[in-house]
Amino acid sequence: MKVRNYKDLVIWQKAVELAGDIFKITNNFPNSQNYVLV
């Protein structure tokens, strides 16, 4: 399998999926908690 773009990498796709999942989980956190995880 030839990688022509970083978006073709499975690790990239998994990272994007994980970021989306984290956003969904933390989206309903109170505003006071916005930057606590950073």
PDB file of N, CA and C in Angstrom:
ATOM      1  N   MET A   1       0.850  -1.182   0.000  1.00  0.00           N
ATOM      2  CA  MET A   1       0.000   0.000   0.000  1.00  0.00           C
ATOM      3  C   MET A   1       0.892   1.240   0.000  1.00  0.00           C
ATOM      4  N   LYS A   2       0.692   2.086  -0.964  1.00  0.00           N
ATOM      5  CA  LYS A   2       1.477   3.311  -1.071  1.00  0.00           C
ATOM      6  C   LYS A   2       0.715   4.469  -0.417  1.00  0.00           C
ATOM      7  N   VAL A   3       1.420   5.203   0.405  1.00  0.00           N
ATOM      8  CA  VAL A   3       0.824   6.352   1.080  1.00  0.00           C
ATOM      9  C   VAL A   3       1.172   7.593   0.277  1.00  0.00           C
ATOM     10  N   ARG A   4       0.153   8.240  -0.252  1.00  0.00           N
ATOM     11  CA  ARG A   4       0.371   9.461  -1.024  1.00  0.00           C
ATOM     12  C   ARG A   4       0.025  10.708  -0.227  1.00  0.00           C
ATOM     13  N   ASN A   5      -0.639  10.504   0.881  1.00  0.00           N
ATOM     14  CA  ASN A   5      -1.113  11.623   1.684  1.00  0.00           C
ATOM     15  C   ASN A   5      -1.176  11.156   3.137  1.00  0.00           C
ATOM     16  N   TYR A   6      -0.892  12.050   4.065  1.00  0.00           N
ATOM     17  CA  TYR A   6      -0.938  11.664   5.477  1.00  0.00           C
ATOM     18  C   TYR A   6      -2.329  11.213   5.889  1.00  0.00           C
ATOM     19  N   LYS A   7      -3.348  11.679   5.198  1.00  0.00           N
ATOM     20  CA  LYS A   7      -4.715  11.279   5.530  1.00  0.00           C
ATOM     21  C   LYS A   7      -5.002   9.832   5.148  1.00  0.00           C
ATOM     22  N   ASP A   8      -4.128   9.235   4.353  1.00  0.00           N
ATOM     23  CA  ASP A   8      -4.252   7.821   4.003  1.00  0.00           C
ATOM     24  C   ASP A   8      -3.781   6.914   5.137  1.00  0.00           C
ATOM     25  N   LEU A   9      -3.031   7.459   6.080  1.00  0.00           N
ATOM     26  CA  LEU A   9      -2.491   6.666   7.177  1.00  0.00           C
ATOM     27  C   LEU A   9      -3.593   6.279   8.157  1.00  0.00           C
ATOM     28  N   VAL A  10      -3.608   5.027   8.542  1.00  0.00           N
ATOM     29  CA  VAL A  10      -4.611   4.541   9.490  1.00  0.00           C
ATOM     30  C   VAL A  10      -4.493   5.292  10.814  1.00  0.00           C
ATOM     31  N   ILE A  11      -3.276   5.572  11.240  1.00  0.00           N
ATOM     32  CA  ILE A  11      -3.076   6.286  12.507  1.00  0.00           C
ATOM     33  C   ILE A  11      -3.712   7.675  12.458  1.00  0.00           C
ATOM     34  N   TRP A  12      -3.649   8.335  11.306  1.00  0.00           N
ATOM     35  CA  TRP A  12      -4.290   9.648  11.142  1.00  0.00           C
ATOM     36  C   TRP A  12      -5.807   9.499  11.268  1.00  0.00           C
ATOM     37  N   GLN A  13      -6.354   8.510  10.605  1.00  0.00           N
ATOM     38  CA  GLN A  13      -7.799   8.296  10.630  1.00  0.00           C
ATOM     39  C   GLN A  13      -8.279   7.969  12.043  1.00  0.00           C
ATOM     40  N   LYS A  14      -7.508   7.160  12.767  1.00  0.00           N
ATOM     41  CA  LYS A  14      -7.865   6.822  14.152  1.00  0.00           C
ATOM     42  C   LYS A  14      -7.778   8.053  15.055  1.00  0.00           C
ATOM     43  N   ALA A  15      -6.769   8.893  14.834  1.00  0.00           N
ATOM     44  CA  ALA A  15      -6.607  10.102  15.641  1.00  0.00           C
ATOM     45  C   ALA A  15      -7.770  11.068  15.421  1.00  0.00           C
ATOM     46  N   VAL A  16      -8.200  11.211  14.180  1.00  0.00           N
ATOM     47  CA  VAL A  16      -9.333  12.087  13.871  1.00  0.00           C
ATOM     48  C   VAL A  16     -10.604  11.537  14.519  1.00  0.00           C
ATOM     49  N   GLU A  17     -10.772  10.233  14.460  1.00  0.00           N
ATOM     50  CA  GLU A  17     -11.931   9.604  15.090  1.00  0.00           C
ATOM     51  C   GLU A  17     -11.904   9.814  16.608  1.00  0.00           C
ATOM     52  N   LEU A  18     -10.743   9.644  17.214  1.00  0.00           N
ATOM     53  CA  LEU A  18     -10.596   9.855  18.656  1.00  0.00           C
ATOM     54  C   LEU A  18     -10.888  11.302  19.036  1.00  0.00           C
ATOM     55  N   ALA A  19     -10.375  12.241  18.262  1.00  0.00           N
ATOM     56  CA  ALA A  19     -10.626  13.660  18.533  1.00  0.00           C
ATOM     57  C   ALA A  19     -12.122  13.957  18.471  1.00  0.00           C
ATOM     58  N   GLY A  20     -12.801  13.381  17.501  1.00  0.00           N
ATOM     59  CA  GLY A  20     -14.251  13.562  17.390  1.00  0.00           C
ATOM     60  C   GLY A  20     -14.987  12.987  18.590  1.00  0.00           C
ATOM     61  N   ASP A  21     -14.550  11.809  19.031  1.00  0.00           N
ATOM     62  CA  ASP A  21     -15.172  11.188  20.206  1.00  0.00           C
ATOM     63  C   ASP A  21     -14.957  12.034  21.456  1.00  0.00           C
ATOM     64  N   ILE A  22     -13.755  12.554  21.621  1.00  0.00           N
ATOM     65  CA  ILE A  22     -13.461  13.409  22.778  1.00  0.00           C
ATOM     66  C   ILE A  22     -14.317  14.668  22.732  1.00  0.00           C
ATOM     67  N   PHE A  23     -14.462  15.251  21.548  1.00  0.00           N
ATOM     68  CA  PHE A  23     -15.301  16.445  21.415  1.00  0.00           C
ATOM     69  C   PHE A  23     -16.741  16.135  21.814  1.00  0.00           C
ATOM     70  N   LYS A  24     -17.276  15.004  21.344  1.00  0.00           N
ATOM     71  CA  LYS A  24     -18.651  14.631  21.675  1.00  0.00           C
ATOM     72  C   LYS A  24     -18.834  14.473  23.183  1.00  0.00           C
ATOM     73  N   ILE A  25     -17.846  13.862  23.836  1.00  0.00           N
ATOM     74  CA  ILE A  25     -17.936  13.627  25.281  1.00  0.00           C
ATOM     75  C   ILE A  25     -17.844  14.934  26.056  1.00  0.00           C
ATOM     76  N   THR A  26     -16.929  15.799  25.659  1.00  0.00           N
ATOM     77  CA  THR A  26     -16.673  17.024  26.424  1.00  0.00           C
ATOM     78  C   THR A  26     -17.539  18.201  25.991  1.00  0.00           C
ATOM     79  N   ASN A  27     -18.290  18.051  24.934  1.00  0.00           N
ATOM     80  CA  ASN A  27     -19.102  19.146  24.408  1.00  0.00           C
ATOM     81  C   ASN A  27     -20.130  19.645  25.420  1.00  0.00           C
ATOM     82  N   ASN A  28     -20.584  18.769  26.287  1.00  0.00           N
ATOM     83  CA  ASN A  28     -21.609  19.148  27.263  1.00  0.00           C
ATOM     84  C   ASN A  28     -21.036  19.503  28.628  1.00  0.00           C
ATOM     85  N   PHE A  29     -19.720  19.576  28.739  1.00  0.00           N
ATOM     86  CA  PHE A  29     -19.102  19.997  29.996  1.00  0.00           C
ATOM     87  C   PHE A  29     -19.461  21.460  30.255  1.00  0.00           C
ATOM     88  N   PRO A  30     -19.527  21.859  31.521  1.00  0.00           N
ATOM     89  CA  PRO A  30     -19.783  23.270  31.836  1.00  0.00           C
ATOM     90  C   PRO A  30     -18.659  24.158  31.295  1.00  0.00           C
ATOM     91  N   ASN A  31     -18.984  25.401  30.985  1.00  0.00           N
ATOM     92  CA  ASN A  31     -17.990  26.333  30.442  1.00  0.00           C
ATOM     93  C   ASN A  31     -16.786  26.500  31.360  1.00  0.00           C
ATOM     94  N   SER A  32     -16.983  26.363  32.645  1.00  0.00           N
ATOM     95  CA  SER A  32     -15.864  26.508  33.581  1.00  0.00           C
ATOM     96  C   SER A  32     -14.837  25.388  33.419  1.00  0.00           C
ATOM     97  N   GLN A  33     -15.209  24.332  32.746  1.00  0.00           N
ATOM     98  CA  GLN A  33     -14.316  23.187  32.539  1.00  0.00           C
ATOM     99  C   GLN A  33     -13.656  23.182  31.161  1.00  0.00           C
ATOM    100  N   ASN A  34     -13.859  24.233  30.366  1.00  0.00           N
ATOM    101  CA  ASN A  34     -13.371  24.253  28.981  1.00  0.00           C
ATOM    102  C   ASN A  34     -11.895  23.944  28.833  1.00  0.00           C
ATOM    103  N   TYR A  35     -11.062  24.503  29.676  1.00  0.00           N
ATOM    104  CA  TYR A  35      -9.617  24.362  29.486  1.00  0.00           C
ATOM    105  C   TYR A  35      -8.958  23.530  30.578  1.00  0.00           C
ATOM    106  N   VAL A  36      -9.748  22.826  31.347  1.00  0.00           N
ATOM    107  CA  VAL A  36      -9.205  22.014  32.430  1.00  0.00           C
ATOM    108  C   VAL A  36      -8.401  20.841  31.879  1.00  0.00           C
ATOM    109  N   LEU A  37      -8.815  20.277  30.759  1.00  0.00           N
ATOM    110  CA  LEU A  37      -8.126  19.120  30.188  1.00  0.00           C
ATOM    111  C   LEU A  37      -6.828  19.488  29.498  1.00  0.00           C
ATOM    112  N   VAL A  38      -6.638  20.749  29.166  1.00  0.00           N
ATOM    113  CA  VAL A  38      -5.457  21.158  28.403  1.00  0.00           C
ATOM    114  C   VAL A  38      -4.228  21.112  29.233  1.00  0.00           C
TER     115      VAL A  38
END
